[in-house]
Amino acid sequence: MKALWLPYVVTDLVTARTFYTDHIGLSEVDSWQHPHERGSVLRAAEGAVIELVEAVGHGRPPPLAFEVDGVGAVDSYAARMNATPHRYPRGHYGFEVPGPAGATVMIWSE
């Protein structure tokens, strides 16, 4: 594994991002905005990030995401989990599978 991404659904992205950057000291490393969601990625520690997601309309909860090192690693996990990887709209390559306790798990790489 290269990194663990911990998703957190928020109702007010600006307030949440400000709290984690100004009060906790995390740094924003990425952000996005789409018609149905917007978000911010905050570096928590080496290999760990918090992904704040504000759903607009009918967005779904974000998956618990594991970043791996390259397309080959994604394909290897996909073979073990009987999944089919694909390119996501933001350009990363990976797949999602149902995890335990109802969580969706994503395995991906840039």
C-alpha atoms as a PDB file:
ATOM      1  CA  MET A   1       0.000   0.000   0.000  1.00  0.00           C
ATOM      2  CA  LYS A   2       1.137   3.485  -0.802  1.00  0.00           C
ATOM      3  CA  ALA A   3      -1.442   5.505   1.155  1.00  0.00           C
ATOM      4  CA  LEU A   4      -4.665   5.259   3.121  1.00  0.00           C
ATOM      5  CA  TRP A   5      -7.419   7.723   2.238  1.00  0.00           C
ATOM      6  CA  LEU A   6      -9.981   8.295   4.991  1.00  0.00           C
ATOM      7  CA  PRO A   7     -13.189   9.793   3.584  1.00  0.00           C
ATOM      8  CA  TYR A   8     -15.355  12.055   5.667  1.00  0.00           C
ATOM      9  CA  VAL A   9     -18.713  13.403   4.469  1.00  0.00           C
ATOM     10  CA  VAL A  10     -19.299  16.997   5.551  1.00  0.00           C
ATOM     11  CA  THR A  11     -22.246  19.356   5.194  1.00  0.00           C
ATOM     12  CA  ASP A  12     -20.089  22.481   4.851  1.00  0.00           C
ATOM     13  CA  LEU A  13     -16.805  21.936   3.028  1.00  0.00           C
ATOM     14  CA  VAL A  14     -15.386  25.412   3.648  1.00  0.00           C
ATOM     15  CA  THR A  15     -15.939  25.221   7.414  1.00  0.00           C
ATOM     16  CA  ALA A  16     -14.526  21.690   7.650  1.00  0.00           C
ATOM     17  CA  ARG A  17     -11.468  22.507   5.514  1.00  0.00           C
ATOM     18  CA  THR A  18     -10.783  25.641   7.561  1.00  0.00           C
ATOM     19  CA  PHE A  19     -11.024  23.684  10.820  1.00  0.00           C
ATOM     20  CA  TYR A  20      -8.566  20.989   9.720  1.00  0.00           C
ATOM     21  CA  THR A  21      -6.088  23.393   8.099  1.00  0.00           C
ATOM     22  CA  ASP A  22      -6.191  26.297  10.573  1.00  0.00           C
ATOM     23  CA  HIS A  23      -6.732  24.451  13.853  1.00  0.00           C
ATOM     24  CA  ILE A  24      -5.208  21.005  13.290  1.00  0.00           C
ATOM     25  CA  GLY A  25      -2.465  22.112  10.893  1.00  0.00           C
ATOM     26  CA  LEU A  26      -3.184  19.775   7.970  1.00  0.00           C
ATOM     27  CA  SER A  27      -2.319  20.985   4.472  1.00  0.00           C
ATOM     28  CA  GLU A  28      -4.592  20.791   1.442  1.00  0.00           C
ATOM     29  CA  VAL A  29      -2.981  18.750  -1.350  1.00  0.00           C
ATOM     30  CA  ASP A  30      -5.901  18.539  -3.799  1.00  0.00           C
ATOM     31  CA  SER A  31      -9.456  19.734  -4.315  1.00  0.00           C
ATOM     32  CA  TRP A  32     -12.220  19.259  -6.858  1.00  0.00           C
ATOM     33  CA  GLN A  33     -15.708  20.377  -7.763  1.00  0.00           C
ATOM     34  CA  HIS A  34     -18.223  18.462  -9.887  1.00  0.00           C
ATOM     35  CA  PRO A  35     -21.966  18.961 -10.318  1.00  0.00           C
ATOM     36  CA  HIS A  36     -22.796  16.397  -7.598  1.00  0.00           C
ATOM     37  CA  GLU A  37     -19.925  16.777  -5.150  1.00  0.00           C
ATOM     38  CA  ARG A  38     -16.946  18.833  -4.182  1.00  0.00           C
ATOM     39  CA  GLY A  39     -14.088  17.973  -1.943  1.00  0.00           C
ATOM     40  CA  SER A  40     -10.712  18.597  -0.460  1.00  0.00           C
ATOM     41  CA  VAL A  41      -7.811  16.238   0.229  1.00  0.00           C
ATOM     42  CA  LEU A  42      -5.793  17.020   3.346  1.00  0.00           C
ATOM     43  CA  ARG A  43      -2.438  15.450   4.209  1.00  0.00           C
ATOM     44  CA  ALA A  44      -2.667  13.979   7.721  1.00  0.00           C
ATOM     45  CA  ALA A  45       0.700  12.169   7.844  1.00  0.00           C
ATOM     46  CA  GLU A  46       3.108  10.390   5.524  1.00  0.00           C
ATOM     47  CA  GLY A  47       0.918   7.951   3.608  1.00  0.00           C
ATOM     48  CA  ALA A  48      -2.386   9.093   5.149  1.00  0.00           C
ATOM     49  CA  VAL A  49      -4.876  11.673   3.950  1.00  0.00           C
ATOM     50  CA  ILE A  50      -8.329  12.815   4.966  1.00  0.00           C
ATOM     51  CA  GLU A  51     -10.712  13.376   2.084  1.00  0.00           C
ATOM     52  CA  LEU A  52     -13.513  15.793   2.914  1.00  0.00           C
ATOM     53  CA  VAL A  53     -16.511  15.350   0.598  1.00  0.00           C
ATOM     54  CA  GLU A  54     -19.581  17.553   0.433  1.00  0.00           C
ATOM     55  CA  ALA A  55     -22.305  15.869  -1.600  1.00  0.00           C
ATOM     56  CA  VAL A  56     -24.452  18.241  -3.650  1.00  0.00           C
ATOM     57  CA  GLY A  57     -27.839  16.753  -4.404  1.00  0.00           C
ATOM     58  CA  HIS A  58     -27.794  12.974  -4.354  1.00  0.00           C
ATOM     59  CA  GLY A  59     -24.140  12.083  -3.957  1.00  0.00           C
ATOM     60  CA  ARG A  60     -23.160   8.754  -2.443  1.00  0.00           C
ATOM     61  CA  PRO A  61     -20.779   8.316   0.495  1.00  0.00           C
ATOM     62  CA  PRO A  62     -17.143   8.141  -0.602  1.00  0.00           C
ATOM     63  CA  PRO A  63     -15.290   4.817  -0.377  1.00  0.00           C
ATOM     64  CA  LEU A  64     -12.519   3.888   2.014  1.00  0.00           C
ATOM     65  CA  ALA A  65      -9.637   4.173  -0.453  1.00  0.00           C
ATOM     66  CA  PHE A  66      -6.268   2.463  -0.573  1.00  0.00           C
ATOM     67  CA  GLU A  67      -3.736   4.000  -2.958  1.00  0.00           C
ATOM     68  CA  VAL A  68      -1.286   1.485  -4.420  1.00  0.00           C
ATOM     69  CA  ASP A  69       1.892   2.007  -6.396  1.00  0.00           C
ATOM     70  CA  GLY A  70       0.952   1.805 -10.072  1.00  0.00           C
ATOM     71  CA  VAL A  71      -1.415   0.229 -12.554  1.00  0.00           C
ATOM     72  CA  GLY A  72       0.186  -3.213 -12.132  1.00  0.00           C
ATOM     73  CA  ALA A  73      -0.605  -3.206  -8.419  1.00  0.00           C
ATOM     74  CA  VAL A  74      -4.226  -2.223  -9.136  1.00  0.00           C
ATOM     75  CA  ASP A  75      -4.511  -5.067 -11.652  1.00  0.00           C
ATOM     76  CA  SER A  76      -3.034  -7.531  -9.159  1.00  0.00           C
ATOM     77  CA  TYR A  77      -5.575  -6.585  -6.470  1.00  0.00           C
ATOM     78  CA  ALA A  78      -8.377  -6.651  -9.055  1.00  0.00           C
ATOM     79  CA  ALA A  79      -7.465 -10.218 -10.029  1.00  0.00           C
ATOM     80  CA  ARG A  80      -7.544 -11.293  -6.369  1.00  0.00           C
ATOM     81  CA  MET A  81     -10.894  -9.601  -5.798  1.00  0.00           C
ATOM     82  CA  ASN A  82     -12.487 -10.560  -9.128  1.00  0.00           C
ATOM     83  CA  ALA A  83     -12.986  -6.876 -10.030  1.00  0.00           C
ATOM     84  CA  THR A  84     -12.614  -4.893 -13.241  1.00  0.00           C
ATOM     85  CA  PRO A  85     -10.508  -1.716 -12.986  1.00  0.00           C
ATOM     86  CA  HIS A  86     -11.312   1.382 -15.035  1.00  0.00           C
ATOM     87  CA  ARG A  87     -10.365   5.066 -15.370  1.00  0.00           C
ATOM     88  CA  TYR A  88     -12.323   7.439 -13.166  1.00  0.00           C
ATOM     89  CA  PRO A  89     -13.407  10.915 -14.385  1.00  0.00           C
ATOM     90  CA  ARG A  90     -10.557  12.576 -12.444  1.00  0.00           C
ATOM     91  CA  GLY A  91      -8.048  10.320 -14.240  1.00  0.00           C
ATOM     92  CA  HIS A  92      -7.055   7.762 -11.638  1.00  0.00           C
ATOM     93  CA  TYR A  93      -7.211   4.012 -12.320  1.00  0.00           C
ATOM     94  CA  GLY A  94      -8.857   1.561  -9.962  1.00  0.00           C
ATOM     95  CA  PHE A  95     -11.960  -0.263  -8.856  1.00  0.00           C
ATOM     96  CA  GLU A  96     -14.440  -0.474  -6.006  1.00  0.00           C
ATOM     97  CA  VAL A  97     -15.752  -3.539  -4.192  1.00  0.00           C
ATOM     98  CA  PRO A  98     -18.175  -4.039  -1.316  1.00  0.00           C
ATOM     99  CA  GLY A  99     -16.262  -4.269   1.933  1.00  0.00           C
ATOM    100  CA  PRO A 100     -17.232  -5.546   5.358  1.00  0.00           C
ATOM    101  CA  ALA A 101     -19.895  -3.747   7.367  1.00  0.00           C
ATOM    102  CA  GLY A 102     -21.327  -2.043   4.280  1.00  0.00           C
ATOM    103  CA  ALA A 103     -18.308   0.112   3.459  1.00  0.00           C
ATOM    104  CA  THR A 104     -17.265   0.439  -0.168  1.00  0.00           C
ATOM    105  CA  VAL A 105     -13.524  -0.137  -0.616  1.00  0.00           C
ATOM    106  CA  MET A 106     -11.533   1.422  -3.472  1.00  0.00           C
ATOM    107  CA  ILE A 107      -8.124   0.286  -4.687  1.00  0.00           C
ATOM    108  CA  TRP A 108      -6.537   2.885  -6.997  1.00  0.00           C
ATOM    109  CA  SER A 109      -3.461   4.560  -8.424  1.00  0.00           C
ATOM    110  CA  GLU A 110      -2.804   7.862 -10.198  1.00  0.00           C
END
